[in-house]
Amino acid sequence: MRQVIMMLAALVLLGGCATGPRYDTQQVELELLPSQVSEDPESYRGGRVLWGGAIVVTRNLPEYTEIEVLGYPLDGSQRPRTGREPVGRFLVRQPGYLEEMKYARGRMITVKGELAAAAAGQVGEARYTYPVVEPEDLYLWPPTSREPARPRFHFGIGVIFGR
Protein backbone atom coordinates (compact mmCIF):
# COMPACT_ATOMS: atom_id res chain seq x y z
CA MET A 1 0.00 0.00 0.00
CA ARG A 2 2.82 2.37 0.88
CA GLN A 3 4.43 1.79 -2.53
CA VAL A 4 1.15 2.61 -4.30
CA ILE A 5 0.87 5.90 -2.40
CA MET A 6 4.50 6.74 -3.24
CA MET A 7 3.89 6.00 -6.93
CA LEU A 8 0.76 8.17 -6.99
CA ALA A 9 2.61 11.01 -5.27
CA ALA A 10 5.42 10.76 -7.84
CA LEU A 11 2.93 10.88 -10.71
CA VAL A 12 1.23 13.96 -9.25
CA LEU A 13 4.60 15.68 -8.84
CA LEU A 14 5.61 14.83 -12.41
CA GLY A 15 2.27 16.12 -13.68
CA GLY A 16 2.93 19.37 -11.82
CA CYS A 17 6.13 19.75 -13.85
CA ALA A 18 4.22 19.88 -17.14
CA THR A 19 5.80 22.36 -19.46
CA GLY A 20 2.95 24.39 -20.92
CA PRO A 21 1.02 23.91 -24.12
CA ARG A 22 1.64 21.39 -26.84
CA TYR A 23 -0.42 22.86 -29.64
CA ASP A 24 -1.09 20.78 -32.71
CA THR A 25 1.16 22.10 -35.43
CA GLN A 26 -0.57 20.52 -38.43
CA GLN A 27 -1.39 23.18 -41.03
CA VAL A 28 0.80 25.69 -39.16
CA GLU A 29 3.65 27.51 -40.94
CA LEU A 30 6.35 26.79 -38.35
CA GLU A 31 9.23 28.38 -40.25
CA LEU A 32 7.45 31.70 -40.82
CA LEU A 33 8.75 34.59 -38.67
CA PRO A 34 6.99 37.83 -37.68
CA SER A 35 9.75 39.82 -39.40
CA GLN A 36 9.03 38.04 -42.72
CA VAL A 37 5.30 38.69 -42.47
CA SER A 38 5.96 42.32 -41.57
CA GLU A 39 7.73 42.80 -44.92
CA ASP A 40 4.82 41.49 -47.05
CA PRO A 41 1.76 40.91 -44.83
CA GLU A 42 -0.83 40.39 -47.58
CA SER A 43 1.09 37.40 -48.96
CA TYR A 44 0.66 35.57 -45.66
CA ARG A 45 -2.86 36.66 -44.72
CA GLY A 46 -5.00 33.68 -43.68
CA GLY A 47 -1.96 31.56 -42.84
CA ARG A 48 -1.73 29.83 -39.48
CA VAL A 49 1.23 30.44 -37.19
CA LEU A 50 2.58 29.37 -33.81
CA TRP A 51 4.53 32.28 -32.31
CA GLY A 52 5.63 33.35 -28.88
CA GLY A 53 7.55 36.03 -27.10
CA ALA A 54 7.62 38.65 -24.38
CA ILE A 55 4.67 40.97 -23.90
CA VAL A 56 5.56 44.60 -24.62
CA VAL A 57 2.18 46.17 -23.83
CA THR A 58 -1.45 45.10 -23.43
CA ARG A 59 -4.28 47.45 -24.48
CA ASN A 60 -7.97 46.90 -23.82
CA LEU A 61 -10.05 48.27 -26.68
CA PRO A 62 -13.85 48.26 -27.12
CA GLU A 63 -14.08 44.96 -29.05
CA TYR A 64 -10.87 43.13 -28.17
CA THR A 65 -7.67 43.15 -26.17
CA GLU A 66 -4.53 43.86 -28.17
CA ILE A 67 -1.23 42.43 -26.98
CA GLU A 68 2.00 43.66 -28.54
CA VAL A 69 4.63 40.92 -28.42
CA LEU A 70 8.36 40.90 -29.11
CA GLY A 71 8.72 37.52 -30.79
CA TYR A 72 11.38 34.92 -30.01
CA PRO A 73 12.03 31.44 -31.40
CA LEU A 74 10.18 28.67 -29.55
CA ASP A 75 11.80 25.70 -27.84
CA GLY A 76 10.52 22.10 -27.93
CA SER A 77 7.91 22.96 -25.28
CA GLN A 78 6.68 25.89 -27.41
CA ARG A 79 8.09 28.34 -24.85
CA PRO A 80 9.78 31.53 -26.14
CA ARG A 81 13.58 31.31 -26.01
CA THR A 82 14.41 34.80 -24.77
CA GLY A 83 18.12 34.04 -24.75
CA ARG A 84 18.02 34.03 -28.56
CA GLU A 85 17.72 36.95 -30.98
CA PRO A 86 14.19 38.40 -31.36
CA VAL A 87 12.39 37.49 -34.60
CA GLY A 88 10.14 40.56 -34.92
CA ARG A 89 7.08 42.04 -33.28
CA PHE A 90 3.45 41.07 -33.73
CA LEU A 91 0.02 41.85 -32.32
CA VAL A 92 -2.44 39.40 -30.81
CA ARG A 93 -6.08 40.50 -30.94
CA GLN A 94 -8.11 38.46 -28.46
CA PRO A 95 -11.87 39.13 -28.54
CA GLY A 96 -13.18 40.46 -25.23
CA TYR A 97 -11.31 41.58 -22.16
CA LEU A 98 -8.01 40.35 -20.75
CA GLU A 99 -6.66 41.79 -17.51
CA GLU A 100 -3.70 44.07 -18.27
CA MET A 101 -2.08 43.35 -14.89
CA LYS A 102 -2.08 39.62 -15.66
CA TYR A 103 -0.90 40.08 -19.27
CA ALA A 104 1.83 42.43 -18.09
CA ARG A 105 5.00 43.68 -19.75
CA GLY A 106 7.70 41.01 -19.75
CA ARG A 107 5.40 37.99 -19.35
CA MET A 108 5.95 35.19 -21.85
CA ILE A 109 3.13 34.17 -24.16
CA THR A 110 2.62 31.54 -26.87
CA VAL A 111 -0.16 31.92 -29.44
CA LYS A 112 -1.48 29.75 -32.24
CA GLY A 113 -3.76 31.45 -34.72
CA GLU A 114 -4.55 32.91 -38.10
CA LEU A 115 -2.86 35.91 -39.66
CA ALA A 116 -5.28 38.79 -40.22
CA ALA A 117 -4.74 42.14 -41.96
CA ALA A 118 -1.56 43.85 -40.76
CA ALA A 119 -1.62 46.97 -38.59
CA ALA A 120 0.53 50.06 -39.04
CA GLY A 121 2.27 51.36 -35.94
CA GLN A 122 5.50 52.62 -34.52
CA VAL A 123 8.38 51.24 -32.51
CA GLY A 124 9.98 54.28 -30.97
CA GLU A 125 10.15 56.82 -33.80
CA ALA A 126 10.28 54.18 -36.56
CA ARG A 127 7.24 53.07 -38.53
CA TYR A 128 6.48 49.39 -38.21
CA THR A 129 4.04 47.00 -39.88
CA TYR A 130 2.70 44.57 -37.29
CA PRO A 131 1.50 41.14 -38.32
CA VAL A 132 -1.80 40.53 -36.50
CA VAL A 133 -2.69 37.11 -35.09
CA GLU A 134 -6.30 36.20 -34.33
CA PRO A 135 -5.73 33.50 -31.72
CA GLU A 136 -7.19 30.02 -31.68
CA ASP A 137 -5.11 29.18 -28.61
CA LEU A 138 -3.32 31.51 -26.22
CA TYR A 139 -1.01 30.45 -23.38
CA LEU A 140 0.38 32.83 -20.77
CA TRP A 141 3.47 31.28 -19.20
CA PRO A 142 3.78 31.40 -15.41
CA PRO A 143 5.97 34.26 -14.20
CA THR A 144 9.57 33.37 -13.47
CA SER A 145 11.66 34.65 -10.62
CA ARG A 146 14.15 37.31 -11.66
CA GLU A 147 16.31 36.72 -8.58
CA PRO A 148 19.56 34.84 -9.11
CA ALA A 149 19.42 31.19 -8.12
CA ARG A 150 20.73 30.52 -4.66
CA PRO A 151 20.61 27.54 -2.34
CA ARG A 152 17.41 27.00 -0.40
CA PHE A 153 19.13 25.52 2.65
CA HIS A 154 21.05 27.15 5.46
CA PHE A 155 23.35 25.93 8.19
CA GLY A 156 23.45 27.52 11.57
CA ILE A 157 21.92 27.82 14.97
CA GLY A 158 19.48 30.49 15.91
CA VAL A 159 16.20 32.06 15.02
CA ILE A 160 15.36 33.54 11.64
CA PHE A 161 12.88 36.39 11.38
CA GLY A 162 11.49 37.18 7.93
CA ARG A 163 8.78 39.08 6.22
C-alpha atoms as a PDB file:
ATOM      1  CA  MET A   1       0.000   0.000   0.000  1.00  0.00           C
ATOM      2  CA  ARG A   2       2.816   2.366   0.885  1.00  0.00           C
ATOM      3  CA  GLN A   3       4.428   1.789  -2.528  1.00  0.00           C
ATOM      4  CA  VAL A   4       1.151   2.611  -4.296  1.00  0.00           C
ATOM      5  CA  ILE A   5       0.869   5.899  -2.401  1.00  0.00           C
ATOM      6  CA  MET A   6       4.496   6.742  -3.236  1.00  0.00           C
ATOM      7  CA  MET A   7       3.890   5.999  -6.928  1.00  0.00           C
ATOM      8  CA  LEU A   8       0.755   8.174  -6.985  1.00  0.00           C
ATOM      9  CA  ALA A   9       2.606  11.009  -5.272  1.00  0.00           C
ATOM     10  CA  ALA A  10       5.424  10.758  -7.836  1.00  0.00           C
ATOM     11  CA  LEU A  11       2.925  10.884 -10.713  1.00  0.00           C
ATOM     12  CA  VAL A  12       1.229  13.958  -9.246  1.00  0.00           C
ATOM     13  CA  LEU A  13       4.597  15.678  -8.845  1.00  0.00           C
ATOM     14  CA  LEU A  14       5.610  14.834 -12.408  1.00  0.00           C
ATOM     15  CA  GLY A  15       2.273  16.125 -13.682  1.00  0.00           C
ATOM     16  CA  GLY A  16       2.933  19.370 -11.822  1.00  0.00           C
ATOM     17  CA  CYS A  17       6.131  19.747 -13.852  1.00  0.00           C
ATOM     18  CA  ALA A  18       4.221  19.879 -17.142  1.00  0.00           C
ATOM     19  CA  THR A  19       5.799  22.365 -19.464  1.00  0.00           C
ATOM     20  CA  GLY A  20       2.948  24.387 -20.920  1.00  0.00           C
ATOM     21  CA  PRO A  21       1.016  23.905 -24.125  1.00  0.00           C
ATOM     22  CA  ARG A  22       1.638  21.385 -26.839  1.00  0.00           C
ATOM     23  CA  TYR A  23      -0.422  22.859 -29.637  1.00  0.00           C
ATOM     24  CA  ASP A  24      -1.093  20.775 -32.708  1.00  0.00           C
ATOM     25  CA  THR A  25       1.164  22.097 -35.435  1.00  0.00           C
ATOM     26  CA  GLN A  26      -0.567  20.523 -38.429  1.00  0.00           C
ATOM     27  CA  GLN A  27      -1.392  23.182 -41.027  1.00  0.00           C
ATOM     28  CA  VAL A  28       0.804  25.692 -39.159  1.00  0.00           C
ATOM     29  CA  GLU A  29       3.647  27.511 -40.935  1.00  0.00           C
ATOM     30  CA  LEU A  30       6.347  26.786 -38.351  1.00  0.00           C
ATOM     31  CA  GLU A  31       9.231  28.376 -40.255  1.00  0.00           C
ATOM     32  CA  LEU A  32       7.450  31.696 -40.819  1.00  0.00           C
ATOM     33  CA  LEU A  33       8.746  34.586 -38.674  1.00  0.00           C
ATOM     34  CA  PRO A  34       6.988  37.828 -37.681  1.00  0.00           C
ATOM     35  CA  SER A  35       9.751  39.818 -39.400  1.00  0.00           C
ATOM     36  CA  GLN A  36       9.032  38.035 -42.717  1.00  0.00           C
ATOM     37  CA  VAL A  37       5.295  38.685 -42.474  1.00  0.00           C
ATOM     38  CA  SER A  38       5.964  42.316 -41.574  1.00  0.00           C
ATOM     39  CA  GLU A  39       7.733  42.799 -44.925  1.00  0.00           C
ATOM     40  CA  ASP A  40       4.824  41.492 -47.054  1.00  0.00           C
ATOM     41  CA  PRO A  41       1.764  40.906 -44.825  1.00  0.00           C
ATOM     42  CA  GLU A  42      -0.829  40.390 -47.582  1.00  0.00           C
ATOM     43  CA  SER A  43       1.087  37.397 -48.958  1.00  0.00           C
ATOM     44  CA  TYR A  44       0.660  35.567 -45.660  1.00  0.00           C
ATOM     45  CA  ARG A  45      -2.862  36.656 -44.717  1.00  0.00           C
ATOM     46  CA  GLY A  46      -4.998  33.679 -43.681  1.00  0.00           C
ATOM     47  CA  GLY A  47      -1.962  31.555 -42.839  1.00  0.00           C
ATOM     48  CA  ARG A  48      -1.734  29.831 -39.479  1.00  0.00           C
ATOM     49  CA  VAL A  49       1.233  30.442 -37.190  1.00  0.00           C
ATOM     50  CA  LEU A  50       2.580  29.372 -33.810  1.00  0.00           C
ATOM     51  CA  TRP A  51       4.527  32.276 -32.314  1.00  0.00           C
ATOM     52  CA  GLY A  52       5.631  33.350 -28.880  1.00  0.00           C
ATOM     53  CA  GLY A  53       7.547  36.032 -27.099  1.00  0.00           C
ATOM     54  CA  ALA A  54       7.620  38.649 -24.384  1.00  0.00           C
ATOM     55  CA  ILE A  55       4.667  40.973 -23.896  1.00  0.00           C
ATOM     56  CA  VAL A  56       5.564  44.600 -24.619  1.00  0.00           C
ATOM     57  CA  VAL A  57       2.179  46.171 -23.829  1.00  0.00           C
ATOM     58  CA  THR A  58      -1.453  45.102 -23.430  1.00  0.00           C
ATOM     59  CA  ARG A  59      -4.278  47.445 -24.477  1.00  0.00           C
ATOM     60  CA  ASN A  60      -7.972  46.899 -23.818  1.00  0.00           C
ATOM     61  CA  LEU A  61     -10.048  48.267 -26.682  1.00  0.00           C
ATOM     62  CA  PRO A  62     -13.849  48.259 -27.119  1.00  0.00           C
ATOM     63  CA  GLU A  63     -14.076  44.961 -29.047  1.00  0.00           C
ATOM     64  CA  TYR A  64     -10.872  43.131 -28.173  1.00  0.00           C
ATOM     65  CA  THR A  65      -7.666  43.148 -26.170  1.00  0.00           C
ATOM     66  CA  GLU A  66      -4.535  43.862 -28.170  1.00  0.00           C
ATOM     67  CA  ILE A  67      -1.226  42.426 -26.976  1.00  0.00           C
ATOM     68  CA  GLU A  68       2.001  43.662 -28.541  1.00  0.00           C
ATOM     69  CA  VAL A  69       4.631  40.922 -28.424  1.00  0.00           C
ATOM     70  CA  LEU A  70       8.362  40.903 -29.107  1.00  0.00           C
ATOM     71  CA  GLY A  71       8.723  37.520 -30.794  1.00  0.00           C
ATOM     72  CA  TYR A  72      11.379  34.923 -30.013  1.00  0.00           C
ATOM     73  CA  PRO A  73      12.028  31.435 -31.404  1.00  0.00           C
ATOM     74  CA  LEU A  74      10.184  28.667 -29.553  1.00  0.00           C
ATOM     75  CA  ASP A  75      11.798  25.699 -27.841  1.00  0.00           C
ATOM     76  CA  GLY A  76      10.516  22.104 -27.931  1.00  0.00           C
ATOM     77  CA  SER A  77       7.915  22.962 -25.281  1.00  0.00           C
ATOM     78  CA  GLN A  78       6.683  25.888 -27.411  1.00  0.00           C
ATOM     79  CA  ARG A  79       8.093  28.341 -24.853  1.00  0.00           C
ATOM     80  CA  PRO A  80       9.782  31.534 -26.136  1.00  0.00           C
ATOM     81  CA  ARG A  81      13.583  31.307 -26.006  1.00  0.00           C
ATOM     82  CA  THR A  82      14.410  34.796 -24.769  1.00  0.00           C
ATOM     83  CA  GLY A  83      18.116  34.043 -24.750  1.00  0.00           C
ATOM     84  CA  ARG A  84      18.023  34.026 -28.561  1.00  0.00           C
ATOM     85  CA  GLU A  85      17.717  36.954 -30.984  1.00  0.00           C
ATOM     86  CA  PRO A  86      14.189  38.403 -31.355  1.00  0.00           C
ATOM     87  CA  VAL A  87      12.385  37.487 -34.597  1.00  0.00           C
ATOM     88  CA  GLY A  88      10.141  40.560 -34.916  1.00  0.00           C
ATOM     89  CA  ARG A  89       7.076  42.044 -33.285  1.00  0.00           C
ATOM     90  CA  PHE A  90       3.455  41.072 -33.728  1.00  0.00           C
ATOM     91  CA  LEU A  91       0.022  41.847 -32.315  1.00  0.00           C
ATOM     92  CA  VAL A  92      -2.436  39.400 -30.805  1.00  0.00           C
ATOM     93  CA  ARG A  93      -6.084  40.497 -30.939  1.00  0.00           C
ATOM     94  CA  GLN A  94      -8.106  38.463 -28.456  1.00  0.00           C
ATOM     95  CA  PRO A  95     -11.869  39.129 -28.541  1.00  0.00           C
ATOM     96  CA  GLY A  96     -13.180  40.460 -25.225  1.00  0.00           C
ATOM     97  CA  TYR A  97     -11.312  41.585 -22.156  1.00  0.00           C
ATOM     98  CA  LEU A  98      -8.006  40.350 -20.748  1.00  0.00           C
ATOM     99  CA  GLU A  99      -6.656  41.791 -17.508  1.00  0.00           C
ATOM    100  CA  GLU A 100      -3.700  44.066 -18.271  1.00  0.00           C
ATOM    101  CA  MET A 101      -2.081  43.351 -14.895  1.00  0.00           C
ATOM    102  CA  LYS A 102      -2.085  39.617 -15.663  1.00  0.00           C
ATOM    103  CA  TYR A 103      -0.896  40.080 -19.265  1.00  0.00           C
ATOM    104  CA  ALA A 104       1.828  42.432 -18.093  1.00  0.00           C
ATOM    105  CA  ARG A 105       5.003  43.675 -19.746  1.00  0.00           C
ATOM    106  CA  GLY A 106       7.702  41.011 -19.754  1.00  0.00           C
ATOM    107  CA  ARG A 107       5.398  37.989 -19.346  1.00  0.00           C
ATOM    108  CA  MET A 108       5.948  35.190 -21.852  1.00  0.00           C
ATOM    109  CA  ILE A 109       3.133  34.167 -24.165  1.00  0.00           C
ATOM    110  CA  THR A 110       2.622  31.540 -26.869  1.00  0.00           C
ATOM    111  CA  VAL A 111      -0.162  31.917 -29.442  1.00  0.00           C
ATOM    112  CA  LYS A 112      -1.476  29.754 -32.241  1.00  0.00           C
ATOM    113  CA  GLY A 113      -3.755  31.449 -34.715  1.00  0.00           C
ATOM    114  CA  GLU A 114      -4.551  32.909 -38.097  1.00  0.00           C
ATOM    115  CA  LEU A 115      -2.863  35.909 -39.660  1.00  0.00           C
ATOM    116  CA  ALA A 116      -5.278  38.794 -40.225  1.00  0.00           C
ATOM    117  CA  ALA A 117      -4.741  42.137 -41.955  1.00  0.00           C
ATOM    118  CA  ALA A 118      -1.564  43.851 -40.765  1.00  0.00           C
ATOM    119  CA  ALA A 119      -1.621  46.969 -38.591  1.00  0.00           C
ATOM    120  CA  ALA A 120       0.534  50.059 -39.035  1.00  0.00           C
ATOM    121  CA  GLY A 121       2.266  51.356 -35.938  1.00  0.00           C
ATOM    122  CA  GLN A 122       5.505  52.625 -34.516  1.00  0.00           C
ATOM    123  CA  VAL A 123       8.375  51.243 -32.507  1.00  0.00           C
ATOM    124  CA  GLY A 124       9.976  54.283 -30.973  1.00  0.00           C
ATOM    125  CA  GLU A 125      10.152  56.820 -33.796  1.00  0.00           C
ATOM    126  CA  ALA A 126      10.284  54.184 -36.563  1.00  0.00           C
ATOM    127  CA  ARG A 127       7.236  53.072 -38.525  1.00  0.00           C
ATOM    128  CA  TYR A 128       6.475  49.393 -38.214  1.00  0.00           C
ATOM    129  CA  THR A 129       4.039  46.998 -39.883  1.00  0.00           C
ATOM    130  CA  TYR A 130       2.700  44.573 -37.291  1.00  0.00           C
ATOM    131  CA  PRO A 131       1.498  41.135 -38.319  1.00  0.00           C
ATOM    132  CA  VAL A 132      -1.799  40.535 -36.505  1.00  0.00           C
ATOM    133  CA  VAL A 133      -2.690  37.114 -35.093  1.00  0.00           C
ATOM    134  CA  GLU A 134      -6.298  36.205 -34.327  1.00  0.00           C
ATOM    135  CA  PRO A 135      -5.726  33.505 -31.715  1.00  0.00           C
ATOM    136  CA  GLU A 136      -7.194  30.020 -31.677  1.00  0.00           C
ATOM    137  CA  ASP A 137      -5.109  29.185 -28.610  1.00  0.00           C
ATOM    138  CA  LEU A 138      -3.318  31.509 -26.219  1.00  0.00           C
ATOM    139  CA  TYR A 139      -1.011  30.454 -23.381  1.00  0.00           C
ATOM    140  CA  LEU A 140       0.384  32.833 -20.770  1.00  0.00           C
ATOM    141  CA  TRP A 141       3.468  31.282 -19.200  1.00  0.00           C
ATOM    142  CA  PRO A 142       3.775  31.405 -15.409  1.00  0.00           C
ATOM    143  CA  PRO A 143       5.975  34.264 -14.205  1.00  0.00           C
ATOM    144  CA  THR A 144       9.572  33.367 -13.474  1.00  0.00           C
ATOM    145  CA  SER A 145      11.665  34.654 -10.623  1.00  0.00           C
ATOM    146  CA  ARG A 146      14.152  37.311 -11.660  1.00  0.00           C
ATOM    147  CA  GLU A 147      16.305  36.717  -8.578  1.00  0.00           C
ATOM    148  CA  PRO A 148      19.559  34.839  -9.107  1.00  0.00           C
ATOM    149  CA  ALA A 149      19.416  31.192  -8.120  1.00  0.00           C
ATOM    150  CA  ARG A 150      20.726  30.520  -4.656  1.00  0.00           C
ATOM    151  CA  PRO A 151      20.606  27.535  -2.339  1.00  0.00           C
ATOM    152  CA  ARG A 152      17.406  27.001  -0.400  1.00  0.00           C
ATOM    153  CA  PHE A 153      19.125  25.523   2.648  1.00  0.00           C
ATOM    154  CA  HIS A 154      21.049  27.152   5.456  1.00  0.00           C
ATOM    155  CA  PHE A 155      23.352  25.926   8.187  1.00  0.00           C
ATOM    156  CA  GLY A 156      23.448  27.517  11.571  1.00  0.00           C
ATOM    157  CA  ILE A 157      21.919  27.815  14.966  1.00  0.00           C
ATOM    158  CA  GLY A 158      19.480  30.494  15.905  1.00  0.00           C
ATOM    159  CA  VAL A 159      16.199  32.057  15.017  1.00  0.00           C
ATOM    160  CA  ILE A 160      15.357  33.541  11.642  1.00  0.00           C
ATOM    161  CA  PHE A 161      12.876  36.388  11.378  1.00  0.00           C
ATOM    162  CA  GLY A 162      11.492  37.175   7.928  1.00  0.00           C
ATOM    163  CA  ARG A 163       8.784  39.078   6.216  1.00  0.00           C
END
